[in-house]
Structure formats: structure tokens, C-alpha cells
Amino acid sequence: MEKAVLGVEGMSCEHCVKAVAHAISSLESVKKVKVDLKGKTASFMYEPDKTPLAKIEAAVTEAGYTVVQ
């Protein structure tokens, strides 16, 4: 398992936090998702061999938010 932190733009409320957390946690091998509204980040543990980071970023984008580096 590796830890990753993504910057996420476009979140403005707790609904947004839940939407981003759901988008990330619904993917295979992703655990311990924590979304920080104030810090505009999403941190999580994942297995890159099973779920590449690009797939996680795509899930956040599909949920309507922007991933920033």
C-alpha cells in the first residue's frame, strides 16, 4: 500500500467532500480516504498495481472536481 495526496479544486461544502470521498473509495484497493475541505486535498492509501493513480484522478474528475498537482 502506498499513500497519496491529491489537490482537489471545486469543493465548497460537505456534500462535495462526501462526493469526492465516495468517488475515490469506490475504486478497487483504495482504503483510508480522507478529504479535507479547508485544505482542498484528498489523501488515501492504495495499491498502484491494482488501481493506478491516473484512474483515481479520473474518478475525481468524473465526479465533477478538478485534480491539481
PDB file of N, CA and C in Angstrom:
ATOM      1  N   MET A   1       0.844  -1.188   0.000  1.00  0.00           N
ATOM      2  CA  MET A   1       0.000   0.000   0.000  1.00  0.00           C
ATOM      3  C   MET A   1       0.882   1.241   0.000  1.00  0.00           C
ATOM      4  N   GLU A   2       0.477   2.201  -0.781  1.00  0.00           N
ATOM      5  CA  GLU A   2       1.166   3.489  -0.818  1.00  0.00           C
ATOM      6  C   GLU A   2       0.197   4.583  -0.405  1.00  0.00           C
ATOM      7  N   LYS A   3       0.737   5.654   0.136  1.00  0.00           N
ATOM      8  CA  LYS A   3      -0.090   6.802   0.495  1.00  0.00           C
ATOM      9  C   LYS A   3       0.031   7.844  -0.610  1.00  0.00           C
ATOM     10  N   ALA A   4      -1.084   8.488  -0.923  1.00  0.00           N
ATOM     11  CA  ALA A   4      -1.083   9.561  -1.916  1.00  0.00           C
ATOM     12  C   ALA A   4      -1.957  10.700  -1.421  1.00  0.00           C
ATOM     13  N   VAL A   5      -1.624  11.890  -1.864  1.00  0.00           N
ATOM     14  CA  VAL A   5      -2.416  13.076  -1.558  1.00  0.00           C
ATOM     15  C   VAL A   5      -2.637  13.820  -2.862  1.00  0.00           C
ATOM     16  N   LEU A   6      -3.902  14.089  -3.165  1.00  0.00           N
ATOM     17  CA  LEU A   6      -4.253  14.853  -4.359  1.00  0.00           C
ATOM     18  C   LEU A   6      -4.827  16.202  -3.961  1.00  0.00           C
ATOM     19  N   GLY A   7      -4.491  17.230  -4.693  1.00  0.00           N
ATOM     20  CA  GLY A   7      -5.159  18.511  -4.542  1.00  0.00           C
ATOM     21  C   GLY A   7      -6.465  18.453  -5.313  1.00  0.00           C
ATOM     22  N   VAL A   8      -7.530  18.947  -4.716  1.00  0.00           N
ATOM     23  CA  VAL A   8      -8.850  18.888  -5.363  1.00  0.00           C
ATOM     24  C   VAL A   8      -9.482  20.269  -5.324  1.00  0.00           C
ATOM     25  N   GLU A   9      -9.747  20.821  -6.501  1.00  0.00           N
ATOM     26  CA  GLU A   9     -10.409  22.121  -6.609  1.00  0.00           C
ATOM     27  C   GLU A   9     -11.888  21.920  -6.915  1.00  0.00           C
ATOM     28  N   GLY A  10     -12.698  22.864  -6.471  1.00  0.00           N
ATOM     29  CA  GLY A  10     -14.121  22.843  -6.785  1.00  0.00           C
ATOM     30  C   GLY A  10     -15.015  22.397  -5.646  1.00  0.00           C
ATOM     31  N   MET A  11     -14.424  22.007  -4.520  1.00  0.00           N
ATOM     32  CA  MET A  11     -15.232  21.598  -3.374  1.00  0.00           C
ATOM     33  C   MET A  11     -15.625  22.835  -2.574  1.00  0.00           C
ATOM     34  N   SER A  12     -16.909  22.900  -2.178  1.00  0.00           N
ATOM     35  CA  SER A  12     -17.364  24.068  -1.429  1.00  0.00           C
ATOM     36  C   SER A  12     -18.192  23.715  -0.186  1.00  0.00           C
ATOM     37  N   CYS A  13     -18.505  22.427   0.000  1.00  0.00           N
ATOM     38  CA  CYS A  13     -19.361  22.045   1.127  1.00  0.00           C
ATOM     39  C   CYS A  13     -19.139  20.587   1.494  1.00  0.00           C
ATOM     40  N   GLU A  14     -19.822  20.136   2.544  1.00  0.00           N
ATOM     41  CA  GLU A  14     -19.693  18.748   2.986  1.00  0.00           C
ATOM     42  C   GLU A  14     -20.204  17.755   1.943  1.00  0.00           C
ATOM     43  N   HIS A  15     -21.188  18.163   1.158  1.00  0.00           N
ATOM     44  CA  HIS A  15     -21.669  17.285   0.078  1.00  0.00           C
ATOM     45  C   HIS A  15     -20.533  17.007  -0.894  1.00  0.00           C
ATOM     46  N   CYS A  16     -19.758  18.026  -1.213  1.00  0.00           N
ATOM     47  CA  CYS A  16     -18.611  17.871  -2.110  1.00  0.00           C
ATOM     48  C   CYS A  16     -17.592  16.901  -1.512  1.00  0.00           C
ATOM     49  N   VAL A  17     -17.334  17.051  -0.230  1.00  0.00           N
ATOM     50  CA  VAL A  17     -16.392  16.168   0.464  1.00  0.00           C
ATOM     51  C   VAL A  17     -16.856  14.728   0.341  1.00  0.00           C
ATOM     52  N   LYS A  18     -18.125  14.487   0.584  1.00  0.00           N
ATOM     53  CA  LYS A  18     -18.670  13.129   0.507  1.00  0.00           C
ATOM     54  C   LYS A  18     -18.618  12.591  -0.922  1.00  0.00           C
ATOM     55  N   ALA A  19     -18.874  13.445  -1.903  1.00  0.00           N
ATOM     56  CA  ALA A  19     -18.845  13.016  -3.304  1.00  0.00           C
ATOM     57  C   ALA A  19     -17.435  12.608  -3.727  1.00  0.00           C
ATOM     58  N   VAL A  20     -16.441  13.391  -3.326  1.00  0.00           N
ATOM     59  CA  VAL A  20     -15.051  13.074  -3.662  1.00  0.00           C
ATOM     60  C   VAL A  20     -14.622  11.799  -2.928  1.00  0.00           C
ATOM     61  N   ALA A  21     -14.953  11.694  -1.651  1.00  0.00           N
ATOM     62  CA  ALA A  21     -14.597  10.505  -0.878  1.00  0.00           C
ATOM     63  C   ALA A  21     -15.227   9.250  -1.477  1.00  0.00           C
ATOM     64  N   HIS A  22     -16.470   9.353  -1.889  1.00  0.00           N
ATOM     65  CA  HIS A  22     -17.152   8.206  -2.490  1.00  0.00           C
ATOM     66  C   HIS A  22     -16.512   7.823  -3.822  1.00  0.00           C
ATOM     67  N   ALA A  23     -16.188   8.821  -4.643  1.00  0.00           N
ATOM     68  CA  ALA A  23     -15.577   8.552  -5.944  1.00  0.00           C
ATOM     69  C   ALA A  23     -14.261   7.797  -5.782  1.00  0.00           C
ATOM     70  N   ILE A  24     -13.480   8.183  -4.779  1.00  0.00           N
ATOM     71  CA  ILE A  24     -12.175   7.550  -4.558  1.00  0.00           C
ATOM     72  C   ILE A  24     -12.330   6.190  -3.874  1.00  0.00           C
ATOM     73  N   SER A  25     -13.130   6.134  -2.821  1.00  0.00           N
ATOM     74  CA  SER A  25     -13.235   4.895  -2.038  1.00  0.00           C
ATOM     75  C   SER A  25     -13.960   3.771  -2.771  1.00  0.00           C
ATOM     76  N   SER A  26     -14.697   4.091  -3.821  1.00  0.00           N
ATOM     77  CA  SER A  26     -15.411   3.049  -4.555  1.00  0.00           C
ATOM     78  C   SER A  26     -14.493   2.263  -5.491  1.00  0.00           C
ATOM     79  N   LEU A  27     -13.253   2.729  -5.646  1.00  0.00           N
ATOM     80  CA  LEU A  27     -12.310   2.035  -6.519  1.00  0.00           C
ATOM     81  C   LEU A  27     -11.625   0.882  -5.788  1.00  0.00           C
ATOM     82  N   GLU A  28     -11.245  -0.128  -6.561  1.00  0.00           N
ATOM     83  CA  GLU A  28     -10.581  -1.308  -6.005  1.00  0.00           C
ATOM     84  C   GLU A  28      -9.259  -0.927  -5.351  1.00  0.00           C
ATOM     85  N   SER A  29      -8.988  -1.483  -4.232  1.00  0.00           N
ATOM     86  CA  SER A  29      -7.731  -1.389  -3.472  1.00  0.00           C
ATOM     87  C   SER A  29      -7.470  -0.028  -2.840  1.00  0.00           C
ATOM     88  N   VAL A  30      -8.467   0.845  -2.798  1.00  0.00           N
ATOM     89  CA  VAL A  30      -8.284   2.152  -2.161  1.00  0.00           C
ATOM     90  C   VAL A  30      -8.878   2.104  -0.756  1.00  0.00           C
ATOM     91  N   LYS A  31      -8.104   2.541   0.231  1.00  0.00           N
ATOM     92  CA  LYS A  31      -8.519   2.491   1.634  1.00  0.00           C
ATOM     93  C   LYS A  31      -8.208   3.815   2.325  1.00  0.00           C
ATOM     94  N   LYS A  32      -8.779   4.008   3.491  1.00  0.00           N
ATOM     95  CA  LYS A  32      -8.482   5.141   4.374  1.00  0.00           C
ATOM     96  C   LYS A  32      -8.546   6.494   3.658  1.00  0.00           C
ATOM     97  N   VAL A  33      -9.648   6.738   2.981  1.00  0.00           N
ATOM     98  CA  VAL A  33      -9.824   8.000   2.257  1.00  0.00           C
ATOM     99  C   VAL A  33     -10.195   9.104   3.236  1.00  0.00           C
ATOM    100  N   LYS A  34      -9.490  10.216   3.160  1.00  0.00           N
ATOM    101  CA  LYS A  34      -9.790  11.382   3.985  1.00  0.00           C
ATOM    102  C   LYS A  34      -9.763  12.608   3.081  1.00  0.00           C
ATOM    103  N   VAL A  35     -10.888  13.313   3.031  1.00  0.00           N
ATOM    104  CA  VAL A  35     -10.992  14.511   2.203  1.00  0.00           C
ATOM    105  C   VAL A  35     -11.063  15.721   3.113  1.00  0.00           C
ATOM    106  N   ASP A  36     -10.208  16.691   2.848  1.00  0.00           N
ATOM    107  CA  ASP A  36     -10.106  17.904   3.659  1.00  0.00           C
ATOM    108  C   ASP A  36     -10.622  19.091   2.852  1.00  0.00           C
ATOM    109  N   LEU A  37     -11.803  19.579   3.221  1.00  0.00           N
ATOM    110  CA  LEU A  37     -12.426  20.695   2.501  1.00  0.00           C
ATOM    111  C   LEU A  37     -11.576  21.955   2.595  1.00  0.00           C
ATOM    112  N   LYS A  38     -11.140  22.278   3.795  1.00  0.00           N
ATOM    113  CA  LYS A  38     -10.362  23.500   4.006  1.00  0.00           C
ATOM    114  C   LYS A  38      -9.015  23.451   3.275  1.00  0.00           C
ATOM    115  N   GLY A  39      -8.356  22.313   3.351  1.00  0.00           N
ATOM    116  CA  GLY A  39      -7.051  22.158   2.711  1.00  0.00           C
ATOM    117  C   GLY A  39      -7.127  21.801   1.237  1.00  0.00           C
ATOM    118  N   LYS A  40      -8.342  21.505   0.767  1.00  0.00           N
ATOM    119  CA  LYS A  40      -8.579  21.136  -0.637  1.00  0.00           C
ATOM    120  C   LYS A  40      -7.711  19.955  -1.059  1.00  0.00           C
ATOM    121  N   THR A  41      -7.708  18.914  -0.213  1.00  0.00           N
ATOM    122  CA  THR A  41      -6.936  17.721  -0.529  1.00  0.00           C
ATOM    123  C   THR A  41      -7.745  16.457  -0.272  1.00  0.00           C
ATOM    124  N   ALA A  42      -7.305  15.401  -0.914  1.00  0.00           N
ATOM    125  CA  ALA A  42      -7.829  14.059  -0.655  1.00  0.00           C
ATOM    126  C   ALA A  42      -6.625  13.161  -0.428  1.00  0.00           C
ATOM    127  N   SER A  43      -6.563  12.502   0.720  1.00  0.00           N
ATOM    128  CA  SER A  43      -5.468  11.572   0.993  1.00  0.00           C
ATOM    129  C   SER A  43      -6.053  10.178   1.128  1.00  0.00           C
ATOM    130  N   PHE A  44      -5.253   9.184   0.767  1.00  0.00           N
ATOM    131  CA  PHE A  44      -5.728   7.808   0.770  1.00  0.00           C
ATOM    132  C   PHE A  44      -4.561   6.853   0.645  1.00  0.00           C
ATOM    133  N   MET A  45      -4.829   5.598   0.959  1.00  0.00           N
ATOM    134  CA  MET A  45      -3.890   4.502   0.753  1.00  0.00           C
ATOM    135  C   MET A  45      -4.406   3.702  -0.438  1.00  0.00           C
ATOM    136  N   TYR A  46      -3.481   3.252  -1.289  1.00  0.00           N
ATOM    137  CA  TYR A  46      -3.916   2.481  -2.453  1.00  0.00           C
ATOM    138  C   TYR A  46      -2.797   1.552  -2.923  1.00  0.00           C
ATOM    139  N   GLU A  47      -3.177   0.590  -3.755  1.00  0.00           N
ATOM    140  CA  GLU A  47      -2.226  -0.341  -4.349  1.00  0.00           C
ATOM    141  C   GLU A  47      -2.085   0.031  -5.823  1.00  0.00           C
ATOM    142  N   PRO A  48      -0.973   0.674  -6.200  1.00  0.00           N
ATOM    143  CA  PRO A  48      -0.805   1.149  -7.577  1.00  0.00           C
ATOM    144  C   PRO A  48      -0.875   0.047  -8.635  1.00  0.00           C
ATOM    145  N   ASP A  49      -0.520  -1.184  -8.259  1.00  0.00           N
ATOM    146  CA  ASP A  49      -0.587  -2.275  -9.229  1.00  0.00           C
ATOM    147  C   ASP A  49      -2.027  -2.631  -9.596  1.00  0.00           C
ATOM    148  N   LYS A  50      -2.932  -2.417  -8.661  1.00  0.00           N
ATOM    149  CA  LYS A  50      -4.344  -2.737  -8.897  1.00  0.00           C
ATOM    150  C   LYS A  50      -5.129  -1.523  -9.392  1.00  0.00           C
ATOM    151  N   THR A  51      -4.818  -0.357  -8.853  1.00  0.00           N
ATOM    152  CA  THR A  51      -5.537   0.861  -9.216  1.00  0.00           C
ATOM    153  C   THR A  51      -4.520   1.983  -9.434  1.00  0.00           C
ATOM    154  N   PRO A  52      -4.182   2.266 -10.682  1.00  0.00           N
ATOM    155  CA  PRO A  52      -3.211   3.336 -10.958  1.00  0.00           C
ATOM    156  C   PRO A  52      -3.733   4.695 -10.493  1.00  0.00           C
ATOM    157  N   LEU A  53      -2.821   5.567 -10.134  1.00  0.00           N
ATOM    158  CA  LEU A  53      -3.192   6.899  -9.675  1.00  0.00           C
ATOM    159  C   LEU A  53      -4.022   7.641 -10.726  1.00  0.00           C
ATOM    160  N   ALA A  54      -3.722   7.432 -11.991  1.00  0.00           N
ATOM    161  CA  ALA A  54      -4.477   8.087 -13.069  1.00  0.00           C
ATOM    162  C   ALA A  54      -5.959   7.705 -13.025  1.00  0.00           C
ATOM    163  N   LYS A  55      -6.252   6.477 -12.631  1.00  0.00           N
ATOM    164  CA  LYS A  55      -7.649   6.034 -12.531  1.00  0.00           C
ATOM    165  C   LYS A  55      -8.354   6.744 -11.372  1.00  0.00           C
ATOM    166  N   ILE A  56      -7.633   6.963 -10.288  1.00  0.00           N
ATOM    167  CA  ILE A  56      -8.199   7.668  -9.140  1.00  0.00           C
ATOM    168  C   ILE A  56      -8.455   9.129  -9.512  1.00  0.00           C
ATOM    169  N   GLU A  57      -7.502   9.739 -10.189  1.00  0.00           N
ATOM    170  CA  GLU A  57      -7.675  11.122 -10.645  1.00  0.00           C
ATOM    171  C   GLU A  57      -8.871  11.233 -11.590  1.00  0.00           C
ATOM    172  N   ALA A  58      -9.023  10.262 -12.473  1.00  0.00           N
ATOM    173  CA  ALA A  58     -10.154  10.262 -13.410  1.00  0.00           C
ATOM    174  C   ALA A  58     -11.483  10.156 -12.671  1.00  0.00           C
ATOM    175  N   ALA A  59     -11.531   9.375 -11.598  1.00  0.00           N
ATOM    176  CA  ALA A  59     -12.761   9.226 -10.818  1.00  0.00           C
ATOM    177  C   ALA A  59     -13.151  10.548 -10.167  1.00  0.00           C
ATOM    178  N   VAL A  60     -12.163  11.297  -9.681  1.00  0.00           N
ATOM    179  CA  VAL A  60     -12.430  12.606  -9.071  1.00  0.00           C
ATOM    180  C   VAL A  60     -12.948  13.572 -10.143  1.00  0.00           C
ATOM    181  N   THR A  61     -12.325  13.539 -11.311  1.00  0.00           N
ATOM    182  CA  THR A  61     -12.754  14.406 -12.419  1.00  0.00           C
ATOM    183  C   THR A  61     -14.173  14.062 -12.863  1.00  0.00           C
ATOM    184  N   GLU A  62     -14.470  12.772 -12.965  1.00  0.00           N
ATOM    185  CA  GLU A  62     -15.809  12.329 -13.367  1.00  0.00           C
ATOM    186  C   GLU A  62     -16.862  12.744 -12.342  1.00  0.00           C
ATOM    187  N   ALA A  63     -16.461  12.904 -11.088  1.00  0.00           N
ATOM    188  CA  ALA A  63     -17.387  13.348 -10.040  1.00  0.00           C
ATOM    189  C   ALA A  63     -17.638  14.853 -10.115  1.00  0.00           C
ATOM    190  N   GLY A  64     -16.886  15.556 -10.979  1.00  0.00           N
ATOM    191  CA  GLY A  64     -17.138  16.980 -11.191  1.00  0.00           C
ATOM    192  C   GLY A  64     -16.135  17.923 -10.553  1.00  0.00           C
ATOM    193  N   TYR A  65     -14.985  17.379 -10.147  1.00  0.00           N
ATOM    194  CA  TYR A  65     -13.980  18.201  -9.468  1.00  0.00           C
ATOM    195  C   TYR A  65     -12.677  18.181 -10.253  1.00  0.00           C
ATOM    196  N   THR A  66     -11.780  19.100  -9.947  1.00  0.00           N
ATOM    197  CA  THR A  66     -10.523  19.219 -10.678  1.00  0.00           C
ATOM    198  C   THR A  66      -9.365  18.779  -9.796  1.00  0.00           C
ATOM    199  N   VAL A  67      -8.553  17.870 -10.316  1.00  0.00           N
ATOM    200  CA  VAL A  67      -7.357  17.430  -9.601  1.00  0.00           C
ATOM    201  C   VAL A  67      -6.214  18.367  -9.957  1.00  0.00           C
ATOM    202  N   VAL A  68      -5.537  18.891  -8.943  1.00  0.00           N
ATOM    203  CA  VAL A  68      -4.396  19.788  -9.157  1.00  0.00           C
ATOM    204  C   VAL A  68      -3.157  19.180  -8.516  1.00  0.00           C
ATOM    205  N   GLN A  69      -2.023  19.471  -9.073  1.00  0.00           N
ATOM    206  CA  GLN A  69      -0.762  18.918  -8.561  1.00  0.00           C
ATOM    207  C   GLN A  69      -0.095  19.888  -7.630  1.00  0.00           C
TER     208      GLN A  69
END
